[in-house]
Amino acid sequence: MRSEGTKALCQSCPLRTQCLRKPDISPYRQVTFFDGSKAKDLHPQTTAMRARIDSREGRLLYSWRLGIVDPVFGNLHNHHLRRFTLRTRHKVDAQWKLFALVHNVQKLQGKAP
């Protein structure tokens, strides 16, 4: 459930300075309340994957992802590889391999995470 105060109500409220983090910037307050229920999952594949990840073995395997995959993509994102600048699968593949090569060379030099 989402509740939102109007600009007129919040401007005249005596608790404005206690309610808002930045009362001089924020015009009004928006609050969201959760009733504790979960939204219905419409996709059985999502439910199955969630069960696999939440298992003991799934947690162990998923914890390795932090050290294996995510730092590589984070590093490439920091080097402004947010989208490929070339077209066709062959050229994109070459560009991806070039970025991977640069990442690995930086890793050998101790400059990549």
PDB file of N, CA and C in Angstrom:
ATOM      1  N   MET A   1       0.851  -1.169   0.000  1.00  0.00           N
ATOM      2  CA  MET A   1       0.000   0.000   0.000  1.00  0.00           C
ATOM      3  C   MET A   1       0.896   1.230   0.000  1.00  0.00           C
ATOM      4  N   ARG A   2       0.591   2.168  -0.832  1.00  0.00           N
ATOM      5  CA  ARG A   2       1.404   3.373  -0.941  1.00  0.00           C
ATOM      6  C   ARG A   2       0.572   4.582  -0.527  1.00  0.00           C
ATOM      7  N   SER A   3       1.155   5.406   0.300  1.00  0.00           N
ATOM      8  CA  SER A   3       0.487   6.622   0.744  1.00  0.00           C
ATOM      9  C   SER A   3       1.372   7.805   0.406  1.00  0.00           C
ATOM     10  N   GLU A   4       0.737   8.854  -0.064  1.00  0.00           N
ATOM     11  CA  GLU A   4       1.497  10.021  -0.501  1.00  0.00           C
ATOM     12  C   GLU A   4       0.799  11.277  -0.013  1.00  0.00           C
ATOM     13  N   GLY A   5       1.533  12.108   0.701  1.00  0.00           N
ATOM     14  CA  GLY A   5       0.978  13.376   1.150  1.00  0.00           C
ATOM     15  C   GLY A   5       1.012  14.385   0.022  1.00  0.00           C
ATOM     16  N   THR A   6       0.046  15.262   0.002  1.00  0.00           N
ATOM     17  CA  THR A   6       0.053  16.288  -1.042  1.00  0.00           C
ATOM     18  C   THR A   6       1.002  17.403  -0.646  1.00  0.00           C
ATOM     19  N   LYS A   7       1.347  18.213  -1.586  1.00  0.00           N
ATOM     20  CA  LYS A   7       2.253  19.326  -1.343  1.00  0.00           C
ATOM     21  C   LYS A   7       1.641  20.297  -0.333  1.00  0.00           C
ATOM     22  N   ALA A   8       0.347  20.563  -0.467  1.00  0.00           N
ATOM     23  CA  ALA A   8      -0.331  21.501   0.425  1.00  0.00           C
ATOM     24  C   ALA A   8      -0.371  20.976   1.866  1.00  0.00           C
ATOM     25  N   LEU A   9      -0.633  19.687   2.032  1.00  0.00           N
ATOM     26  CA  LEU A   9      -0.683  19.108   3.372  1.00  0.00           C
ATOM     27  C   LEU A   9       0.683  19.101   4.049  1.00  0.00           C
ATOM     28  N   CYS A  10       1.707  18.736   3.307  1.00  0.00           N
ATOM     29  CA  CYS A  10       3.044  18.631   3.894  1.00  0.00           C
ATOM     30  C   CYS A  10       3.657  20.000   4.201  1.00  0.00           C
ATOM     31  N   GLN A  11       3.324  21.019   3.416  1.00  0.00           N
ATOM     32  CA  GLN A  11       3.903  22.343   3.647  1.00  0.00           C
ATOM     33  C   GLN A  11       3.486  22.921   4.990  1.00  0.00           C
ATOM     34  N   SER A  12       2.249  22.679   5.411  1.00  0.00           N
ATOM     35  CA  SER A  12       1.753  23.268   6.652  1.00  0.00           C
ATOM     36  C   SER A  12       1.872  22.337   7.859  1.00  0.00           C
ATOM     37  N   CYS A  13       2.429  21.145   7.694  1.00  0.00           N
ATOM     38  CA  CYS A  13       2.508  20.161   8.776  1.00  0.00           C
ATOM     39  C   CYS A  13       3.578  20.572   9.796  1.00  0.00           C
ATOM     40  N   PRO A  14       3.247  20.531  11.105  1.00  0.00           N
ATOM     41  CA  PRO A  14       4.238  20.899  12.121  1.00  0.00           C
ATOM     42  C   PRO A  14       5.346  19.847  12.285  1.00  0.00           C
ATOM     43  N   LEU A  15       5.130  18.633  11.801  1.00  0.00           N
ATOM     44  CA  LEU A  15       6.132  17.576  11.928  1.00  0.00           C
ATOM     45  C   LEU A  15       7.007  17.446  10.679  1.00  0.00           C
ATOM     46  N   ARG A  16       6.920  18.416   9.795  1.00  0.00           N
ATOM     47  CA  ARG A  16       7.632  18.371   8.521  1.00  0.00           C
ATOM     48  C   ARG A  16       9.134  18.154   8.704  1.00  0.00           C
ATOM     49  N   THR A  17       9.753  18.830   9.630  1.00  0.00           N
ATOM     50  CA  THR A  17      11.206  18.709   9.817  1.00  0.00           C
ATOM     51  C   THR A  17      11.589  17.347  10.380  1.00  0.00           C
ATOM     52  N   GLN A  18      10.682  16.687  11.087  1.00  0.00           N
ATOM     53  CA  GLN A  18      10.968  15.362  11.635  1.00  0.00           C
ATOM     54  C   GLN A  18      10.660  14.257  10.621  1.00  0.00           C
ATOM     55  N   CYS A  19       9.728  14.516   9.751  1.00  0.00           N
ATOM     56  CA  CYS A  19       9.266  13.501   8.806  1.00  0.00           C
ATOM     57  C   CYS A  19      10.161  13.409   7.573  1.00  0.00           C
ATOM     58  N   LEU A  20      10.602  14.543   7.061  1.00  0.00           N
ATOM     59  CA  LEU A  20      11.382  14.572   5.831  1.00  0.00           C
ATOM     60  C   LEU A  20      12.869  14.664   6.133  1.00  0.00           C
ATOM     61  N   ARG A  21      13.672  13.964   5.353  1.00  0.00           N
ATOM     62  CA  ARG A  21      15.117  14.060   5.533  1.00  0.00           C
ATOM     63  C   ARG A  21      15.644  15.422   5.107  1.00  0.00           C
ATOM     64  N   LYS A  22      15.104  15.937   4.013  1.00  0.00           N
ATOM     65  CA  LYS A  22      15.515  17.246   3.490  1.00  0.00           C
ATOM     66  C   LYS A  22      14.266  18.096   3.310  1.00  0.00           C
ATOM     67  N   PRO A  23      13.758  18.691   4.386  1.00  0.00           N
ATOM     68  CA  PRO A  23      12.508  19.444   4.280  1.00  0.00           C
ATOM     69  C   PRO A  23      12.587  20.650   3.356  1.00  0.00           C
ATOM     70  N   ASP A  24      13.757  21.217   3.171  1.00  0.00           N
ATOM     71  CA  ASP A  24      13.879  22.385   2.290  1.00  0.00           C
ATOM     72  C   ASP A  24      13.841  21.987   0.808  1.00  0.00           C
ATOM     73  N   ILE A  25      14.116  20.722   0.495  1.00  0.00           N
ATOM     74  CA  ILE A  25      14.135  20.265  -0.894  1.00  0.00           C
ATOM     75  C   ILE A  25      12.893  19.443  -1.231  1.00  0.00           C
ATOM     76  N   SER A  26      12.505  18.528  -0.329  1.00  0.00           N
ATOM     77  CA  SER A  26      11.391  17.614  -0.592  1.00  0.00           C
ATOM     78  C   SER A  26      10.055  18.318  -0.434  1.00  0.00           C
ATOM     79  N   PRO A  27       9.172  18.272  -1.456  1.00  0.00           N
ATOM     80  CA  PRO A  27       7.878  18.952  -1.354  1.00  0.00           C
ATOM     81  C   PRO A  27       6.861  18.184  -0.505  1.00  0.00           C
ATOM     82  N   TYR A  28       6.943  16.824  -0.487  1.00  0.00           N
ATOM     83  CA  TYR A  28       5.983  16.028   0.267  1.00  0.00           C
ATOM     84  C   TYR A  28       6.588  14.673   0.580  1.00  0.00           C
ATOM     85  N   ARG A  29       5.881  13.888   1.371  1.00  0.00           N
ATOM     86  CA  ARG A  29       6.368  12.578   1.807  1.00  0.00           C
ATOM     87  C   ARG A  29       5.578  11.471   1.133  1.00  0.00           C
ATOM     88  N   GLN A  30       6.289  10.445   0.703  1.00  0.00           N
ATOM     89  CA  GLN A  30       5.674   9.257   0.127  1.00  0.00           C
ATOM     90  C   GLN A  30       6.096   8.075   0.983  1.00  0.00           C
ATOM     91  N   VAL A  31       5.142   7.270   1.425  1.00  0.00           N
ATOM     92  CA  VAL A  31       5.414   6.139   2.296  1.00  0.00           C
ATOM     93  C   VAL A  31       4.795   4.889   1.695  1.00  0.00           C
ATOM     94  N   THR A  32       5.518   3.775   1.761  1.00  0.00           N
ATOM     95  CA  THR A  32       4.997   2.501   1.276  1.00  0.00           C
ATOM     96  C   THR A  32       4.944   1.526   2.440  1.00  0.00           C
ATOM     97  N   PHE A  33       3.807   0.872   2.621  1.00  0.00           N
ATOM     98  CA  PHE A  33       3.617  -0.120   3.670  1.00  0.00           C
ATOM     99  C   PHE A  33       3.449  -1.487   3.029  1.00  0.00           C
ATOM    100  N   PHE A  34       4.137  -2.476   3.564  1.00  0.00           N
ATOM    101  CA  PHE A  34       4.014  -3.841   3.081  1.00  0.00           C
ATOM    102  C   PHE A  34       3.209  -4.637   4.090  1.00  0.00           C
ATOM    103  N   ASP A  35       2.257  -5.412   3.599  1.00  0.00           N
ATOM    104  CA  ASP A  35       1.407  -6.178   4.505  1.00  0.00           C
ATOM    105  C   ASP A  35       1.990  -7.548   4.837  1.00  0.00           C
ATOM    106  N   GLY A  36       3.162  -7.870   4.322  1.00  0.00           N
ATOM    107  CA  GLY A  36       3.807  -9.133   4.638  1.00  0.00           C
ATOM    108  C   GLY A  36       3.507 -10.243   3.655  1.00  0.00           C
ATOM    109  N   SER A  37       2.507 -10.079   2.813  1.00  0.00           N
ATOM    110  CA  SER A  37       2.186 -11.127   1.845  1.00  0.00           C
ATOM    111  C   SER A  37       3.086 -10.971   0.627  1.00  0.00           C
ATOM    112  N   LYS A  38       3.317 -12.067  -0.044  1.00  0.00           N
ATOM    113  CA  LYS A  38       4.135 -12.046  -1.247  1.00  0.00           C
ATOM    114  C   LYS A  38       3.233 -12.038  -2.464  1.00  0.00           C
ATOM    115  N   ALA A  39       3.690 -11.395  -3.490  1.00  0.00           N
ATOM    116  CA  ALA A  39       2.927 -11.382  -4.739  1.00  0.00           C
ATOM    117  C   ALA A  39       2.909 -12.792  -5.322  1.00  0.00           C
ATOM    118  N   LYS A  40       1.840 -13.132  -5.988  1.00  0.00           N
ATOM    119  CA  LYS A  40       1.725 -14.461  -6.580  1.00  0.00           C
ATOM    120  C   LYS A  40       2.725 -14.595  -7.717  1.00  0.00           C
ATOM    121  N   ASP A  41       3.392 -15.715  -7.716  1.00  0.00           N
ATOM    122  CA  ASP A  41       4.357 -15.980  -8.775  1.00  0.00           C
ATOM    123  C   ASP A  41       3.632 -16.677  -9.920  1.00  0.00           C
ATOM    124  N   LEU A  42       3.587 -16.033 -11.054  1.00  0.00           N
ATOM    125  CA  LEU A  42       2.844 -16.556 -12.187  1.00  0.00           C
ATOM    126  C   LEU A  42       3.666 -17.516 -13.040  1.00  0.00           C
ATOM    127  N   HIS A  43       4.979 -17.563 -12.826  1.00  0.00           N
ATOM    128  CA  HIS A  43       5.846 -18.388 -13.654  1.00  0.00           C
ATOM    129  C   HIS A  43       6.388 -19.556 -12.845  1.00  0.00           C
ATOM    130  N   PRO A  44       6.048 -20.781 -13.211  1.00  0.00           N
ATOM    131  CA  PRO A  44       6.543 -21.935 -12.468  1.00  0.00           C
ATOM    132  C   PRO A  44       8.068 -22.094 -12.577  1.00  0.00           C
ATOM    133  N   GLN A  45       8.653 -21.587 -13.678  1.00  0.00           N
ATOM    134  CA  GLN A  45      10.108 -21.666 -13.824  1.00  0.00           C
ATOM    135  C   GLN A  45      10.801 -20.806 -12.769  1.00  0.00           C
ATOM    136  N   THR A  46      10.223 -19.640 -12.472  1.00  0.00           N
ATOM    137  CA  THR A  46      10.795 -18.769 -11.452  1.00  0.00           C
ATOM    138  C   THR A  46      10.728 -19.429 -10.087  1.00  0.00           C
ATOM    139  N   THR A  47       9.617 -20.062  -9.778  1.00  0.00           N
ATOM    140  CA  THR A  47       9.460 -20.751  -8.501  1.00  0.00           C
ATOM    141  C   THR A  47      10.459 -21.897  -8.392  1.00  0.00           C
ATOM    142  N   ALA A  48      10.630 -22.643  -9.460  1.00  0.00           N
ATOM    143  CA  ALA A  48      11.574 -23.761  -9.453  1.00  0.00           C
ATOM    144  C   ALA A  48      13.004 -23.271  -9.267  1.00  0.00           C
ATOM    145  N   MET A  49      13.366 -22.184  -9.955  1.00  0.00           N
ATOM    146  CA  MET A  49      14.718 -21.643  -9.831  1.00  0.00           C
ATOM    147  C   MET A  49      14.953 -21.091  -8.440  1.00  0.00           C
ATOM    148  N   ARG A  50      13.951 -20.436  -7.873  1.00  0.00           N
ATOM    149  CA  ARG A  50      14.070 -19.910  -6.520  1.00  0.00           C
ATOM    150  C   ARG A  50      14.306 -21.048  -5.518  1.00  0.00           C
ATOM    151  N   ALA A  51      13.609 -22.159  -5.706  1.00  0.00           N
ATOM    152  CA  ALA A  51      13.786 -23.313  -4.819  1.00  0.00           C
ATOM    153  C   ALA A  51      15.192 -23.890  -4.964  1.00  0.00           C
ATOM    154  N   ARG A  52      15.712 -23.927  -6.184  1.00  0.00           N
ATOM    155  CA  ARG A  52      17.074 -24.446  -6.392  1.00  0.00           C
ATOM    156  C   ARG A  52      18.114 -23.536  -5.759  1.00  0.00           C
ATOM    157  N   ILE A  53      17.955 -22.220  -5.905  1.00  0.00           N
ATOM    158  CA  ILE A  53      18.928 -21.280  -5.347  1.00  0.00           C
ATOM    159  C   ILE A  53      18.851 -21.259  -3.824  1.00  0.00           C
ATOM    160  N   ASP A  54      17.656 -21.412  -3.260  1.00  0.00           N
ATOM    161  CA  ASP A  54      17.501 -21.355  -1.811  1.00  0.00           C
ATOM    162  C   ASP A  54      17.926 -22.637  -1.111  1.00  0.00           C
ATOM    163  N   SER A  55      18.235 -23.674  -1.868  1.00  0.00           N
ATOM    164  CA  SER A  55      18.708 -24.912  -1.236  1.00  0.00           C
ATOM    165  C   SER A  55      20.141 -24.714  -0.747  1.00  0.00           C
ATOM    166  N   ARG A  56      20.617 -25.632   0.064  1.00  0.00           N
ATOM    167  CA  ARG A  56      21.969 -25.543   0.620  1.00  0.00           C
ATOM    168  C   ARG A  56      23.027 -25.564  -0.493  1.00  0.00           C
ATOM    169  N   GLU A  57      22.855 -26.479  -1.455  1.00  0.00           N
ATOM    170  CA  GLU A  57      23.807 -26.578  -2.559  1.00  0.00           C
ATOM    171  C   GLU A  57      23.726 -25.350  -3.471  1.00  0.00           C
ATOM    172  N   GLY A  58      22.498 -24.864  -3.671  1.00  0.00           N
ATOM    173  CA  GLY A  58      22.319 -23.685  -4.515  1.00  0.00           C
ATOM    174  C   GLY A  58      22.981 -22.448  -3.931  1.00  0.00           C
ATOM    175  N   ARG A  59      22.875 -22.271  -2.612  1.00  0.00           N
ATOM    176  CA  ARG A  59      23.535 -21.136  -1.956  1.00  0.00           C
ATOM    177  C   ARG A  59      25.051 -21.228  -2.099  1.00  0.00           C
ATOM    178  N   LEU A  60      25.575 -22.430  -1.959  1.00  0.00           N
ATOM    179  CA  LEU A  60      27.014 -22.614  -2.097  1.00  0.00           C
ATOM    180  C   LEU A  60      27.474 -22.274  -3.507  1.00  0.00           C
ATOM    181  N   LEU A  61      26.767 -22.809  -4.518  1.00  0.00           N
ATOM    182  CA  LEU A  61      27.132 -22.517  -5.899  1.00  0.00           C
ATOM    183  C   LEU A  61      26.940 -21.043  -6.247  1.00  0.00           C
ATOM    184  N   TYR A  62      25.852 -20.449  -5.770  1.00  0.00           N
ATOM    185  CA  TYR A  62      25.568 -19.050  -6.106  1.00  0.00           C
ATOM    186  C   TYR A  62      26.561 -18.101  -5.443  1.00  0.00           C
ATOM    187  N   SER A  63      27.102 -18.487  -4.279  1.00  0.00           N
ATOM    188  CA  SER A  63      28.069 -17.623  -3.602  1.00  0.00           C
ATOM    189  C   SER A  63      29.360 -17.499  -4.399  1.00  0.00           C
ATOM    190  N   TRP A  64      29.669 -18.487  -5.234  1.00  0.00           N
ATOM    191  CA  TRP A  64      30.871 -18.408  -6.065  1.00  0.00           C
ATOM    192  C   TRP A  64      30.733 -17.355  -7.154  1.00  0.00           C
ATOM    193  N   ARG A  65      29.510 -17.030  -7.534  1.00  0.00           N
ATOM    194  CA  ARG A  65      29.280 -16.058  -8.602  1.00  0.00           C
ATOM    195  C   ARG A  65      29.891 -14.704  -8.271  1.00  0.00           C
ATOM    196  N   LEU A  66      29.828 -14.326  -7.009  1.00  0.00           N
ATOM    197  CA  LEU A  66      30.368 -13.032  -6.595  1.00  0.00           C
ATOM    198  C   LEU A  66      31.848 -12.930  -6.925  1.00  0.00           C
ATOM    199  N   GLY A  67      32.571 -14.013  -6.788  1.00  0.00           N
ATOM    200  CA  GLY A  67      34.005 -13.978  -7.051  1.00  0.00           C
ATOM    201  C   GLY A  67      34.392 -14.334  -8.464  1.00  0.00           C
ATOM    202  N   ILE A  68      33.461 -14.847  -9.248  1.00  0.00           N
ATOM    203  CA  ILE A  68      33.822 -15.315 -10.579  1.00  0.00           C
ATOM    204  C   ILE A  68      33.294 -14.401 -11.680  1.00  0.00           C
ATOM    205  N   VAL A  69      31.991 -14.145 -11.707  1.00  0.00           N
ATOM    206  CA  VAL A  69      31.376 -13.468 -12.843  1.00  0.00           C
ATOM    207  C   VAL A  69      31.178 -11.977 -12.603  1.00  0.00           C
ATOM    208  N   ASP A  70      30.583 -11.611 -11.494  1.00  0.00           N
ATOM    209  CA  ASP A  70      30.177 -10.224 -11.284  1.00  0.00           C
ATOM    210  C   ASP A  70      31.326  -9.218 -11.324  1.00  0.00           C
ATOM    211  N   PRO A  71      32.502  -9.485 -10.759  1.00  0.00           N
ATOM    212  CA  PRO A  71      33.576  -8.488 -10.861  1.00  0.00           C
ATOM    213  C   PRO A  71      34.000  -8.213 -12.297  1.00  0.00           C
ATOM    214  N   VAL A  72      33.935  -9.227 -13.158  1.00  0.00           N
ATOM    215  CA  VAL A  72      34.322  -9.022 -14.561  1.00  0.00           C
ATOM    216  C   VAL A  72      33.364  -8.045 -15.227  1.00  0.00           C
ATOM    217  N   PHE A  73      32.046  -8.283 -15.054  1.00  0.00           N
ATOM    218  CA  PHE A  73      31.076  -7.384 -15.673  1.00  0.00           C
ATOM    219  C   PHE A  73      31.132  -6.000 -15.044  1.00  0.00           C
ATOM    220  N   GLY A  74      31.377  -5.926 -13.749  1.00  0.00           N
ATOM    221  CA  GLY A  74      31.509  -4.627 -13.094  1.00  0.00           C
ATOM    222  C   GLY A  74      32.693  -3.855 -13.627  1.00  0.00           C
ATOM    223  N   ASN A  75      33.814  -4.537 -13.823  1.00  0.00           N
ATOM    224  CA  ASN A  75      35.005  -3.885 -14.356  1.00  0.00           C
ATOM    225  C   ASN A  75      34.767  -3.411 -15.786  1.00  0.00           C
ATOM    226  N   LEU A  76      34.126  -4.234 -16.606  1.00  0.00           N
ATOM    227  CA  LEU A  76      33.841  -3.821 -17.975  1.00  0.00           C
ATOM    228  C   LEU A  76      32.866  -2.651 -18.004  1.00  0.00           C
ATOM    229  N   HIS A  77      31.930  -2.656 -17.075  1.00  0.00           N
ATOM    230  CA  HIS A  77      30.987  -1.540 -16.990  1.00  0.00           C
ATOM    231  C   HIS A  77      31.719  -0.256 -16.609  1.00  0.00           C
ATOM    232  N   ASN A  78      32.705  -0.352 -15.723  1.00  0.00           N
ATOM    233  CA  ASN A  78      33.496   0.814 -15.338  1.00  0.00           C
ATOM    234  C   ASN A  78      34.333   1.346 -16.490  1.00  0.00           C
ATOM    235  N   HIS A  79      34.652   0.472 -17.446  1.00  0.00           N
ATOM    236  CA  HIS A  79      35.408   0.904 -18.621  1.00  0.00           C
ATOM    237  C   HIS A  79      34.475   1.291 -19.767  1.00  0.00           C
ATOM    238  N   HIS A  80      33.247   1.621 -19.424  1.00  0.00           N
ATOM    239  CA  HIS A  80      32.242   2.158 -20.346  1.00  0.00           C
ATOM    240  C   HIS A  80      31.799   1.169 -21.416  1.00  0.00           C
ATOM    241  N   LEU A  81      31.832  -0.133 -21.112  1.00  0.00           N
ATOM    242  CA  LEU A  81      31.248  -1.105 -22.031  1.00  0.00           C
ATOM    243  C   LEU A  81      29.828  -1.354 -21.569  1.00  0.00           C
ATOM    244  N   ARG A  82      28.943  -0.459 -21.949  1.00  0.00           N
ATOM    245  CA  ARG A  82      27.540  -0.592 -21.588  1.00  0.00           C
ATOM    246  C   ARG A  82      26.721  -1.126 -22.759  1.00  0.00           C
ATOM    247  N   ARG A  83      27.259  -0.961 -23.940  1.00  0.00           N
ATOM    248  CA  ARG A  83      26.639  -1.524 -25.140  1.00  0.00           C
ATOM    249  C   ARG A  83      27.725  -1.669 -26.204  1.00  0.00           C
ATOM    250  N   PHE A  84      27.483  -2.553 -27.124  1.00  0.00           N
ATOM    251  CA  PHE A  84      28.460  -2.776 -28.175  1.00  0.00           C
ATOM    252  C   PHE A  84      28.322  -1.697 -29.235  1.00  0.00           C
ATOM    253  N   THR A  85      29.453  -1.276 -29.780  1.00  0.00           N
ATOM    254  CA  THR A  85      29.440  -0.195 -30.766  1.00  0.00           C
ATOM    255  C   THR A  85      29.437  -0.715 -32.195  1.00  0.00           C
ATOM    256  N   LEU A  86      29.581  -2.017 -32.346  1.00  0.00           N
ATOM    257  CA  LEU A  86      29.618  -2.608 -33.684  1.00  0.00           C
ATOM    258  C   LEU A  86      28.353  -3.417 -33.939  1.00  0.00           C
ATOM    259  N   ARG A  87      28.150  -3.797 -35.197  1.00  0.00           N
ATOM    260  CA  ARG A  87      27.015  -4.636 -35.558  1.00  0.00           C
ATOM    261  C   ARG A  87      27.514  -5.928 -36.162  1.00  0.00           C
ATOM    262  N   THR A  88      26.657  -6.854 -36.270  1.00  0.00           N
ATOM    263  CA  THR A  88      26.872  -8.236 -36.703  1.00  0.00           C
ATOM    264  C   THR A  88      27.520  -9.034 -35.586  1.00  0.00           C
ATOM    265  N   ARG A  89      27.138 -10.280 -35.546  1.00  0.00           N
ATOM    266  CA  ARG A  89      27.597 -11.175 -34.476  1.00  0.00           C
ATOM    267  C   ARG A  89      29.118 -11.326 -34.493  1.00  0.00           C
ATOM    268  N   HIS A  90      29.701 -11.409 -35.669  1.00  0.00           N
ATOM    269  CA  HIS A  90      31.153 -11.591 -35.789  1.00  0.00           C
ATOM    270  C   HIS A  90      31.911 -10.403 -35.189  1.00  0.00           C
ATOM    271  N   LYS A  91      31.474  -9.190 -35.508  1.00  0.00           N
ATOM    272  CA  LYS A  91      32.151  -7.994 -34.996  1.00  0.00           C
ATOM    273  C   LYS A  91      31.942  -7.822 -33.499  1.00  0.00           C
ATOM    274  N   VAL A  92      30.733  -8.099 -33.021  1.00  0.00           N
ATOM    275  CA  VAL A  92      30.456  -7.998 -31.587  1.00  0.00           C
ATOM    276  C   VAL A  92      31.277  -9.027 -30.826  1.00  0.00           C
ATOM    277  N   ASP A  93      31.394 -10.231 -31.373  1.00  0.00           N
ATOM    278  CA  ASP A  93      32.210 -11.261 -30.747  1.00  0.00           C
ATOM    279  C   ASP A  93      33.663 -10.808 -30.646  1.00  0.00           C
ATOM    280  N   ALA A  94      34.187 -10.189 -31.698  1.00  0.00           N
ATOM    281  CA  ALA A  94      35.563  -9.691 -31.679  1.00  0.00           C
ATOM    282  C   ALA A  94      35.720  -8.580 -30.646  1.00  0.00           C
ATOM    283  N   GLN A  95      34.740  -7.686 -30.548  1.00  0.00           N
ATOM    284  CA  GLN A  95      34.812  -6.602 -29.577  1.00  0.00           C
ATOM    285  C   GLN A  95      34.758  -7.159 -28.147  1.00  0.00           C
ATOM    286  N   TRP A  96      33.901  -8.153 -27.915  1.00  0.00           N
ATOM    287  CA  TRP A  96      33.810  -8.772 -26.592  1.00  0.00           C
ATOM    288  C   TRP A  96      35.139  -9.432 -26.211  1.00  0.00           C
ATOM    289  N   LYS A  97      35.740 -10.144 -27.163  1.00  0.00           N
ATOM    290  CA  LYS A  97      37.021 -10.796 -26.895  1.00  0.00           C
ATOM    291  C   LYS A  97      38.121  -9.769 -26.621  1.00  0.00           C
ATOM    292  N   LEU A  98      38.070  -8.640 -27.288  1.00  0.00           N
ATOM    293  CA  LEU A  98      39.050  -7.589 -27.041  1.00  0.00           C
ATOM    294  C   LEU A  98      38.909  -7.036 -25.624  1.00  0.00           C
ATOM    295  N   PHE A  99      37.679  -6.774 -25.188  1.00  0.00           N
ATOM    296  CA  PHE A  99      37.466  -6.296 -23.833  1.00  0.00           C
ATOM    297  C   PHE A  99      37.884  -7.340 -22.805  1.00  0.00           C
ATOM    298  N   ALA A 100      37.607  -8.614 -23.090  1.00  0.00           N
ATOM    299  CA  ALA A 100      38.019  -9.678 -22.172  1.00  0.00           C
ATOM    300  C   ALA A 100      39.538  -9.764 -22.096  1.00  0.00           C
ATOM    301  N   LEU A 101      40.205  -9.591 -23.221  1.00  0.00           N
ATOM    302  CA  LEU A 101      41.662  -9.603 -23.252  1.00  0.00           C
ATOM    303  C   LEU A 101      42.234  -8.457 -22.418  1.00  0.00           C
ATOM    304  N   VAL A 102      41.682  -7.269 -22.583  1.00  0.00           N
ATOM    305  CA  VAL A 102      42.134  -6.112 -21.792  1.00  0.00           C
ATOM    306  C   VAL A 102      41.901  -6.361 -20.310  1.00  0.00           C
ATOM    307  N   HIS A 103      40.747  -6.939 -19.971  1.00  0.00           N
ATOM    308  CA  HIS A 103      40.461  -7.241 -18.570  1.00  0.00           C
ATOM    309  C   HIS A 103      41.488  -8.214 -17.998  1.00  0.00           C
ATOM    310  N   ASN A 104      41.812  -9.252 -18.758  1.00  0.00           N
ATOM    311  CA  ASN A 104      42.766 -10.250 -18.273  1.00  0.00           C
ATOM    312  C   ASN A 104      44.174  -9.681 -18.151  1.00  0.00           C
ATOM    313  N   VAL A 105      44.575  -8.816 -19.070  1.00  0.00           N
ATOM    314  CA  VAL A 105      45.892  -8.177 -18.975  1.00  0.00           C
ATOM    315  C   VAL A 105      45.942  -7.273 -17.743  1.00  0.00           C
ATOM    316  N   GLN A 106      44.873  -6.520 -17.501  1.00  0.00           N
ATOM    317  CA  GLN A 106      44.827  -5.683 -16.301  1.00  0.00           C
ATOM    318  C   GLN A 106      44.876  -6.532 -15.038  1.00  0.00           C
ATOM    319  N   LYS A 107      44.246  -7.683 -15.084  1.00  0.00           N
ATOM    320  CA  LYS A 107      44.274  -8.593 -13.942  1.00  0.00           C
ATOM    321  C   LYS A 107      45.715  -9.067 -13.665  1.00  0.00           C
ATOM    322  N   LEU A 108      46.435  -9.392 -14.738  1.00  0.00           N
ATOM    323  CA  LEU A 108      47.812  -9.817 -14.571  1.00  0.00           C
ATOM    324  C   LEU A 108      48.706  -8.699 -14.022  1.00  0.00           C
ATOM    325  N   GLN A 109      48.388  -7.461 -14.379  1.00  0.00           N
ATOM    326  CA  GLN A 109      49.150  -6.321 -13.883  1.00  0.00           C
ATOM    327  C   GLN A 109      48.715  -5.906 -12.473  1.00  0.00           C
ATOM    328  N   GLY A 110      47.596  -6.468 -12.011  1.00  0.00           N
ATOM    329  CA  GLY A 110      47.114  -6.124 -10.674  1.00  0.00           C
ATOM    330  C   GLY A 110      46.267  -4.881 -10.636  1.00  0.00           C
ATOM    331  N   LYS A 111      45.718  -4.461 -11.782  1.00  0.00           N
ATOM    332  CA  LYS A 111      44.892  -3.252 -11.838  1.00  0.00           C
ATOM    333  C   LYS A 111      43.406  -3.546 -11.854  1.00  0.00           C
ATOM    334  N   ALA A 112      43.020  -4.779 -12.113  1.00  0.00           N
ATOM    335  CA  ALA A 112      41.592  -5.134 -12.151  1.00  0.00           C
ATOM    336  C   ALA A 112      41.230  -5.810 -10.844  1.00  0.00           C
ATOM    337  N   PRO A 113      39.941  -5.697 -10.440  1.00  0.00           N
ATOM    338  CA  PRO A 113      39.536  -6.343  -9.182  1.00  0.00           C
ATOM    339  C   PRO A 113      39.593  -7.848  -9.251  1.00  0.00           C
TER     340      PRO A 113
END
